[in-house]
Protein backbone atom coordinates (compact mmCIF):
# COMPACT_ATOMS: atom_id res chain seq x y z
CA MET A 1 -37.13 29.92 35.46
CA LYS A 2 -38.12 29.64 32.10
CA ALA A 3 -38.97 26.08 30.76
CA ASP A 4 -41.26 26.19 27.70
CA GLU A 5 -39.51 23.31 25.77
CA ALA A 6 -40.72 20.95 28.77
CA TYR A 7 -44.62 21.60 27.57
CA GLN A 8 -43.87 19.62 24.05
CA CYS A 9 -42.51 16.51 25.59
CA GLY A 10 -45.85 14.13 25.16
CA LYS A 11 -44.40 11.29 27.14
CA CYS A 12 -43.89 8.95 24.33
CA GLY A 13 -40.76 7.29 25.61
CA LEU A 14 -38.98 7.32 22.37
CA CYS A 15 -36.23 8.95 24.40
CA LEU A 16 -35.71 6.19 26.24
CA SER A 17 -34.10 3.37 23.52
CA ALA A 18 -32.05 6.33 22.53
CA CYS A 19 -30.37 7.56 25.89
CA PRO A 20 -27.01 5.96 26.38
CA VAL A 21 -27.64 6.24 30.19
CA TYR A 22 -31.14 4.61 30.50
CA ARG A 23 -29.58 1.66 28.22
CA VAL A 24 -27.05 0.89 31.08
CA MET A 25 -29.31 2.15 34.11
CA ARG A 26 -32.58 0.84 33.12
CA GLU A 27 -33.87 3.11 35.47
CA GLU A 28 -36.76 5.85 34.71
CA THR A 29 -35.19 8.46 36.81
CA THR A 30 -32.32 8.67 34.38
CA THR A 31 -34.15 9.05 31.13
CA PRO A 32 -34.62 12.31 28.95
CA ARG A 33 -38.21 12.10 29.53
CA ALA A 34 -37.75 12.00 33.59
CA LYS A 35 -35.44 15.07 33.29
CA VAL A 36 -37.94 16.82 31.31
CA HIS A 37 -40.71 16.55 34.13
CA LEU A 38 -38.62 16.99 36.95
CA ILE A 39 -37.82 20.59 34.99
CA ARG A 40 -41.28 21.05 34.47
CA SER A 41 -42.21 20.57 37.95
CA PHE A 42 -39.43 22.77 39.22
CA ALA A 43 -40.71 25.60 37.18
CA GLU A 44 -44.15 25.36 38.47
CA ASN A 45 -42.62 25.33 42.13
CA ARG A 46 -43.89 22.03 42.45
CA LEU A 47 -40.69 20.70 43.22
CA PRO A 48 -38.02 22.25 45.31
CA ALA A 49 -33.94 22.33 44.32
CA THR A 50 -32.36 19.65 46.26
CA ASP A 51 -29.31 17.55 45.88
CA ARG A 52 -30.94 14.33 44.69
CA MET A 53 -32.45 16.56 42.19
CA GLN A 54 -29.23 17.94 41.05
CA ALA A 55 -27.77 14.50 40.72
CA LYS A 56 -30.53 13.33 38.44
CA LEU A 57 -29.94 16.31 36.31
CA GLN A 58 -26.37 15.60 36.18
CA CYS A 59 -26.36 12.32 34.91
CA CYS A 60 -26.46 13.01 31.58
CA LEU A 61 -23.78 12.82 28.57
CA MET A 62 -25.40 15.90 26.82
CA CYS A 63 -24.91 13.60 23.83
CA GLY A 64 -27.93 15.60 21.71
CA THR A 65 -29.35 12.18 20.80
CA CYS A 66 -32.71 12.45 22.65
CA THR A 67 -32.89 16.00 21.08
CA ALA A 68 -32.12 14.99 17.47
CA MET A 69 -34.79 12.11 17.50
CA CYS A 70 -37.70 13.64 19.69
CA PRO A 71 -40.64 13.67 17.36
CA GLY A 72 -42.11 16.24 19.74
CA GLY A 73 -39.20 18.96 18.99
CA VAL A 74 -38.51 19.19 22.67
CA SER A 75 -34.85 20.74 22.88
CA HIS A 76 -33.59 18.71 25.97
CA ASP A 77 -29.98 20.11 25.48
CA THR A 78 -31.14 23.88 25.63
CA LEU A 79 -33.48 22.95 28.60
CA PHE A 80 -31.07 20.91 30.44
CA MET A 81 -28.28 23.60 30.14
CA ARG A 82 -30.63 26.10 31.57
CA MET A 83 -31.55 24.20 34.50
CA ARG A 84 -28.07 23.16 35.27
CA SER A 85 -27.21 27.03 35.32
CA GLN A 86 -30.11 27.54 37.72
CA MET A 87 -29.21 24.53 40.04
CA ALA A 88 -25.73 26.09 40.35
CA ILE A 89 -27.05 29.07 41.78
CA ASP A 90 -29.16 27.56 43.92
CA ARG A 91 -27.16 24.21 45.07
CA GLY A 92 -23.68 25.12 43.86
CA GLN A 93 -20.88 23.40 41.63
CA SER A 94 -18.44 20.47 41.94
CA LYS A 95 -14.54 21.50 42.26
CA GLU A 96 -14.20 20.09 38.63
CA VAL A 97 -16.36 22.42 36.93
CA LYS A 98 -15.65 25.38 39.11
CA ALA A 99 -11.96 24.54 37.92
CA LEU A 100 -13.31 24.25 34.29
CA GLY A 101 -15.09 27.79 34.79
CA ALA A 102 -11.74 29.67 35.86
CA ILE A 103 -9.11 28.12 33.42
CA LEU A 104 -11.23 27.40 30.08
CA PRO A 105 -12.44 31.04 29.28
CA LYS A 106 -8.49 32.37 29.37
CA GLU A 107 -6.19 31.38 26.67
CA ASN A 108 -2.90 31.87 28.92
CA ARG A 109 -4.62 29.54 32.05
CA LEU A 110 -4.89 26.94 29.69
CA ARG A 111 -1.70 27.08 28.60
CA MET A 112 -0.67 27.16 32.49
CA ALA A 113 -2.53 24.24 32.85
CA ALA A 114 -1.07 22.21 29.81
CA LYS A 115 2.18 22.91 30.94
CA ALA A 116 1.21 21.52 34.65
CA ALA A 117 -0.55 18.56 32.66
CA ARG A 118 2.69 17.57 30.85
CA ILE A 119 4.68 17.76 33.83
CA GLY A 120 2.04 15.41 35.68
CA THR A 121 2.08 12.96 32.72
CA SER A 122 5.67 12.68 32.84
CA SER A 123 7.40 9.24 33.61
CA LEU A 124 8.99 11.01 37.02
CA ALA A 125 5.69 12.31 38.12
CA GLN A 126 3.98 8.93 37.57
CA ARG A 127 6.32 7.35 39.83
CA ILE A 128 5.35 9.76 42.43
CA ILE A 129 1.91 9.54 41.92
CA GLY A 130 1.17 6.01 41.37
CA LYS A 131 -2.10 4.71 41.01
CA MET A 132 -3.91 8.13 40.67
CA ARG A 133 -6.74 7.65 38.30
CA ILE A 134 -9.28 10.31 36.69
CA GLY A 135 -12.63 8.33 36.77
CA ASN A 136 -11.55 4.96 35.64
CA ILE A 137 -8.58 6.14 34.09
CA PRO A 138 -5.03 5.66 34.83
CA MET A 139 -2.62 9.26 35.16
CA GLU A 140 -0.49 7.08 33.07
CA ASN A 141 -2.90 6.52 29.77
CA PHE A 142 -3.58 10.38 29.47
CA PRO A 143 -2.28 12.27 26.38
CA THR A 144 0.90 13.75 26.93
CA PRO A 145 0.35 17.87 26.44
CA ASN A 146 2.03 19.80 23.39
CA ARG A 147 5.44 21.17 24.07
CA THR A 148 4.50 24.26 22.32
CA PRO A 149 0.69 24.97 21.58
CA PHE A 150 0.08 23.81 17.92
CA ARG A 151 -1.09 27.24 16.61
CA ASP A 152 2.25 28.37 17.55
CA GLN A 153 3.86 25.99 15.36
CA VAL A 154 2.36 27.08 12.13
CA PRO A 155 1.60 30.46 10.59
CA GLU A 156 -1.71 31.88 10.27
CA VAL A 157 -1.96 31.66 6.79
CA ILE A 158 -1.10 28.14 5.23
CA GLU A 159 -0.85 27.98 1.32
CA PRO A 160 -1.89 24.84 -0.77
CA GLU A 161 0.99 22.63 -2.27
CA GLY A 162 -0.63 23.75 -5.79
CA LYS A 163 -3.29 25.48 -7.16
CA VAL A 164 -5.81 26.89 -4.69
CA VAL A 165 -9.19 25.52 -5.27
CA GLY A 166 -10.66 27.49 -1.95
CA THR A 167 -10.13 28.70 1.22
CA VAL A 168 -11.19 27.44 4.60
CA ALA A 169 -10.66 28.50 8.27
CA TYR A 170 -9.67 26.09 10.79
CA PHE A 171 -10.81 25.89 14.33
CA THR A 172 -8.55 24.02 16.26
CA GLY A 173 -10.49 23.87 19.65
CA CYS A 174 -8.45 23.53 22.99
CA ALA A 175 -7.52 19.96 22.31
CA THR A 176 -5.69 20.08 19.21
CA HIS A 177 -3.99 23.31 20.20
CA HIS A 178 -2.54 22.40 23.81
CA ILE A 179 -2.69 18.08 23.46
CA PHE A 180 -3.22 16.63 20.06
CA GLU A 181 -0.74 18.41 17.68
CA GLN A 182 -0.64 15.43 15.38
CA THR A 183 -3.81 15.85 14.70
CA GLY A 184 -3.46 19.68 13.48
CA HIS A 185 -0.60 18.61 11.19
CA ALA A 186 -2.64 15.89 9.45
CA VAL A 187 -5.32 18.48 9.20
CA VAL A 188 -3.14 21.08 7.45
CA LYS A 189 -1.62 18.22 5.44
CA VAL A 190 -4.70 16.81 3.66
CA LEU A 191 -6.25 20.18 3.26
CA ARG A 192 -2.77 21.39 1.25
CA ARG A 193 -2.29 18.68 -0.78
CA MET A 194 -6.22 18.92 -1.84
CA GLY A 195 -5.82 22.35 -2.80
CA TYR A 196 -6.98 24.77 0.06
CA ARG A 197 -5.61 27.48 1.55
CA ILE A 198 -6.01 27.58 5.25
CA LEU A 199 -6.45 30.27 7.67
CA LEU A 200 -6.21 30.07 11.70
CA PRO A 201 -7.31 32.89 13.07
CA ALA A 202 -5.10 33.78 16.46
CA ASP A 203 -7.39 35.08 18.43
CA GLN A 204 -9.71 31.93 18.32
CA GLY A 205 -10.24 30.12 22.01
CA CYS A 206 -12.24 27.29 23.70
CA CYS A 207 -15.56 26.92 21.77
CA GLY A 208 -17.45 26.87 25.63
CA LEU A 209 -19.37 24.07 25.19
CA PRO A 210 -17.88 22.09 28.28
CA LEU A 211 -18.65 25.84 30.08
CA PHE A 212 -22.40 25.78 28.87
CA PHE A 213 -23.27 22.39 29.29
CA HIS A 214 -22.26 22.62 32.91
CA GLY A 215 -24.36 25.42 33.31
CA GLU A 216 -21.70 28.45 32.80
CA ILE A 217 -23.68 29.95 30.22
CA ARG A 218 -22.52 33.75 30.89
CA ARG A 219 -18.97 32.61 31.74
CA ALA A 220 -18.67 31.41 28.33
CA ARG A 221 -20.16 34.70 26.62
CA GLU A 222 -17.13 36.04 25.80
CA ASN A 223 -15.80 32.82 24.28
CA ILE A 224 -18.54 32.53 22.26
CA LEU A 225 -18.83 36.22 20.96
CA THR A 226 -14.86 36.56 20.06
CA ASN A 227 -15.20 32.96 18.10
CA ILE A 228 -17.91 34.35 16.39
CA ARG A 229 -16.39 37.64 15.29
CA SER A 230 -12.86 35.96 14.37
CA LEU A 231 -14.07 33.18 12.19
CA SER A 232 -16.62 35.23 10.66
CA ALA A 233 -14.02 38.31 9.21
CA HIS A 234 -12.90 35.88 6.58
CA ASP A 235 -14.48 35.24 3.37
CA CYS A 236 -14.30 31.25 3.38
CA ASP A 237 -15.88 28.60 1.88
CA ALA A 238 -16.13 26.65 5.31
CA VAL A 239 -15.41 26.71 8.87
CA LEU A 240 -13.53 23.61 9.59
CA THR A 241 -13.35 21.73 12.83
CA ASP A 242 -11.33 18.52 13.89
CA CYS A 243 -13.63 17.92 17.14
CA ALA A 244 -17.29 17.11 17.05
CA THR A 245 -17.97 18.52 20.03
CA CYS A 246 -16.66 21.85 18.73
CA GLY A 247 -18.54 21.47 15.64
CA SER A 248 -21.63 20.85 17.77
CA ALA A 249 -21.08 24.17 19.59
CA LEU A 250 -20.50 26.49 16.65
CA GLY A 251 -22.85 24.75 14.02
CA HIS A 252 -25.73 23.72 16.62
CA MET A 253 -25.50 25.64 19.71
CA TYR A 254 -24.00 28.93 19.29
CA PRO A 255 -27.43 30.11 17.58
CA ARG A 256 -29.53 29.11 20.40
CA LEU A 257 -27.22 30.34 23.44
CA MET A 258 -27.91 33.97 21.70
CA ALA A 259 -31.13 33.77 22.82
CA GLU A 260 -30.19 32.91 26.32
CA LEU A 261 -27.63 35.75 26.51
CA ASP A 262 -30.57 38.13 25.15
CA LEU A 263 -28.40 38.91 22.17
CA PRO A 264 -29.45 38.64 18.32
CA ALA A 265 -28.47 35.63 16.77
CA GLY A 266 -28.06 37.10 12.91
CA ASP A 267 -23.87 36.08 12.92
CA ALA A 268 -24.43 33.22 14.83
CA ASP A 269 -26.63 31.81 12.49
CA ALA A 270 -24.64 32.80 9.48
CA LEU A 271 -21.29 30.82 11.17
CA ALA A 272 -23.68 28.09 11.96
CA ALA A 273 -24.48 27.50 8.18
CA THR A 274 -20.40 27.51 7.29
CA VAL A 275 -19.38 25.11 9.86
CA MET A 276 -18.63 21.54 9.19
CA ASP A 277 -16.35 18.68 10.63
CA ALA A 278 -12.85 18.63 8.97
CA GLY A 279 -13.31 14.81 8.20
CA GLU A 280 -16.91 15.40 6.68
CA PHE A 281 -15.54 17.88 4.65
CA VAL A 282 -12.61 15.95 3.01
CA ALA A 283 -15.27 12.95 2.39
CA THR A 284 -17.54 15.49 0.59
CA HIS A 285 -14.43 16.05 -1.80
CA MET A 286 -12.91 13.10 -2.42
CA ASP A 287 -12.20 14.07 -6.26
CA LEU A 288 -9.49 16.46 -4.65
CA LEU A 289 -8.32 13.73 -2.44
CA THR A 290 -8.35 10.68 -4.42
CA PRO A 291 -5.39 11.81 -6.95
CA HIS A 292 -3.02 12.12 -3.99
CA LEU A 293 -3.85 8.79 -2.07
CA SER A 294 -1.50 5.70 -3.06
CA PRO A 295 -1.94 2.08 -1.89
CA ALA A 296 0.25 0.42 0.60
CA ALA A 297 2.33 -3.19 0.28
CA THR A 298 0.34 -3.69 3.53
CA ARG A 299 -2.95 -2.12 4.35
CA GLU A 300 -3.74 -0.70 7.53
CA THR A 301 -6.56 -1.86 9.36
CA VAL A 302 -8.89 0.29 10.64
CA THR A 303 -12.05 0.74 12.80
CA TYR A 304 -14.09 3.88 13.44
CA HIS A 305 -16.22 5.49 16.54
CA LEU A 306 -18.96 7.76 15.87
CA PRO A 307 -18.85 10.60 17.91
CA CYS A 308 -22.42 11.50 19.98
CA HIS A 309 -21.83 15.10 18.41
CA LEU A 310 -20.95 14.12 15.02
CA LYS A 311 -23.48 11.62 14.86
CA ASN A 312 -26.51 14.03 15.97
CA HIS A 313 -24.99 17.49 14.33
CA GLY A 314 -22.79 16.88 11.66
CA SER A 315 -23.94 16.33 7.94
CA GLY A 316 -24.04 12.70 7.67
CA LYS A 317 -23.64 9.73 9.61
CA THR A 318 -21.85 7.55 7.17
CA LEU A 319 -19.70 9.82 5.73
CA LEU A 320 -16.36 8.90 7.63
CA GLU A 321 -16.90 5.60 7.42
CA SER A 322 -17.12 6.29 3.62
CA LEU A 323 -14.09 8.20 3.60
CA LEU A 324 -12.16 5.11 5.22
CA THR A 325 -13.49 2.73 3.40
CA HIS A 326 -12.43 4.31 0.05
CA LEU A 327 -8.45 4.85 0.97
CA PRO A 328 -6.40 2.52 -0.60
CA HIS A 329 -4.18 2.12 2.15
CA ALA A 330 -6.70 0.71 4.73
CA ASP A 331 -8.56 -1.91 5.37
CA TYR A 332 -11.75 -0.70 7.14
CA HIS A 333 -13.94 -2.90 9.61
CA ARG A 334 -17.13 -1.73 11.15
CA THR A 335 -17.95 -2.88 14.47
CA PRO A 336 -21.37 -3.82 15.56
CA ASP A 337 -21.46 -0.79 18.07
CA TRP A 338 -19.54 1.71 15.88
CA ASP A 339 -22.29 4.36 16.43
CA ALA A 340 -22.92 3.98 20.35
CA CYS A 341 -21.97 6.63 23.08
CA CYS A 342 -18.26 5.71 24.58
CA GLY A 343 -19.53 7.27 28.01
CA GLY A 344 -16.65 9.98 27.98
CA GLY A 345 -19.23 12.99 27.44
CA GLY A 346 -16.71 15.71 28.74
CA PHE A 347 -16.64 15.13 32.67
CA PHE A 348 -19.36 12.53 32.70
CA PHE A 349 -16.32 9.41 32.93
CA ASN A 350 -15.12 11.09 36.03
CA GLU A 351 -18.58 12.14 37.92
CA TYR A 352 -20.14 8.50 36.87
CA PRO A 353 -17.00 6.30 36.26
CA ASP A 354 -19.10 3.24 36.66
CA ILE A 355 -21.94 4.03 34.18
CA ALA A 356 -19.18 5.26 31.76
CA LYS A 357 -17.24 2.07 32.41
CA ARG A 358 -20.05 -0.18 31.43
CA MET A 359 -20.28 1.57 28.18
CA VAL A 360 -16.77 1.63 26.92
CA ASP A 361 -15.69 -1.86 27.71
CA GLY A 362 -18.10 -3.27 25.34
CA LYS A 363 -16.59 -1.11 22.71
CA ILE A 364 -12.94 -2.16 23.36
CA ALA A 365 -14.14 -5.80 23.08
CA ASN A 366 -15.58 -5.07 19.91
CA ALA A 367 -12.94 -2.96 18.56
CA LEU A 368 -10.25 -5.49 19.28
CA ALA A 369 -12.26 -8.25 18.14
CA SER A 370 -12.27 -6.40 14.91
CA GLY A 371 -8.72 -7.03 14.45
CA ALA A 372 -8.12 -3.40 13.60
CA ARG A 373 -4.70 -2.02 14.75
CA THR A 374 -6.30 1.74 14.30
CA TRP A 375 -9.20 2.87 15.97
CA ALA A 376 -10.10 6.29 14.54
CA THR A 377 -12.57 8.88 16.03
CA GLY A 378 -13.07 12.47 15.27
CA CYS A 379 -13.58 13.47 19.04
CA PRO A 380 -10.88 14.30 21.31
CA GLY A 381 -13.12 13.49 24.42
CA CYS A 382 -13.92 10.31 22.77
CA ARG A 383 -10.30 9.73 22.50
CA VAL A 384 -9.13 9.83 25.73
CA GLN A 385 -12.00 7.83 27.14
CA LEU A 386 -11.30 4.89 24.48
CA ALA A 387 -7.71 5.08 24.75
CA GLY A 388 -7.54 5.41 28.66
CA ASN A 389 -9.60 2.49 29.37
CA LEU A 390 -7.79 0.07 26.91
CA PRO A 391 -6.44 -3.08 28.71
CA ARG A 392 -3.01 -2.49 27.77
CA LYS A 393 -1.71 0.75 26.57
CA GLY A 394 -1.33 1.25 23.19
CA VAL A 395 -2.91 -1.85 22.49
CA ILE A 396 -4.76 -0.30 19.33
CA GLU A 397 -3.91 3.03 18.30
CA VAL A 398 -7.08 5.72 18.78
CA CYS A 399 -6.36 8.68 16.70
CA HIS A 400 -8.35 11.02 14.68
CA PRO A 401 -9.46 10.03 11.10
CA LEU A 402 -7.60 12.30 9.19
CA GLU A 403 -4.48 11.05 10.60
CA VAL A 404 -5.07 7.77 8.99
CA VAL A 405 -5.93 10.00 5.64
CA ALA A 406 -2.75 11.73 5.93
CA ARG A 407 -0.56 8.40 6.13
CA GLY A 408 -1.78 7.51 2.66
CA LEU A 409 -0.71 10.41 1.00
CA ARG A 410 1.76 10.39 -2.07
């Protein structure tokens, strides 16, 4: 197996303090450094593929924090992704990953899964299922999927309310399209008010990141190429995502994946240069937003959770905080761990529930102590993890930052 990146590791240990898993476990075998040298030993045929090795390599959130801060330039995420793919061949995969590989690449299967999940989250189903959980999250705490997929609810081209100041393409991802329709409507409302024409390419699909992060690089191929082709077909000021994970895929991982798929990276590089988080995009164009905001008699108290993929692959760590701070209808309260990982990490909360629970409990305690009634975050996975682990459902509303913005429009 190719493991060139492993030889760039100088064993300095700076990744230890950055790794969310190590902060909880305090075990050397959970560190990025240890994983890199396990992979190096495997590539040099000094260690065989075993279930224990696979478990150690899987115990990772793929948050990208180690890659972002590594002084040696080790691309941990690419290396781990490649090794997971090799381990899937040598040791097989869990039933959850196999299900992902079967559902995510196909829109018709996603629609069927969303319908099934909608039935599963109904009150009748909950009475039948009882206390069933996924990881630590009770089934009743999972969001109810949209009755109609979001992109079916809106036209493919949405004109602004006033003068056109620009055009953006909107990549909705699976979560907004099938689960969080309110986020999609908020993004559209804010961008229209600011003067942007919005394009929603009909043939966009899953970004593929959950697939290739779990070793299904080849199965994600068609999704990746379709998204690149679809989003590159329009002359836009930016390609916006409302999901930090999708933004990481399109703007960070796609160019790297071209090499893994033996494909030229030109189109992926060009697309990546235009990708931006929708919240960060709005924050950088406050001059277009501010005239449309109005104070409220009672200001909404808000706190914020910074998703790892936005922290490591976004435009600026404090952009969303700045946006929330400047809303005249909101009163922003920062928590001490506002930028710490919540432990969601795709299916990490299900695969390693004890570790994930230890990560999220402190964040929930701090969010509740802040006095905020709204908890904003730009990652659907974080949203599920945060809301799903609350001591009481709805004790604090967890939503996308642009939903907060939309509530303050005149």
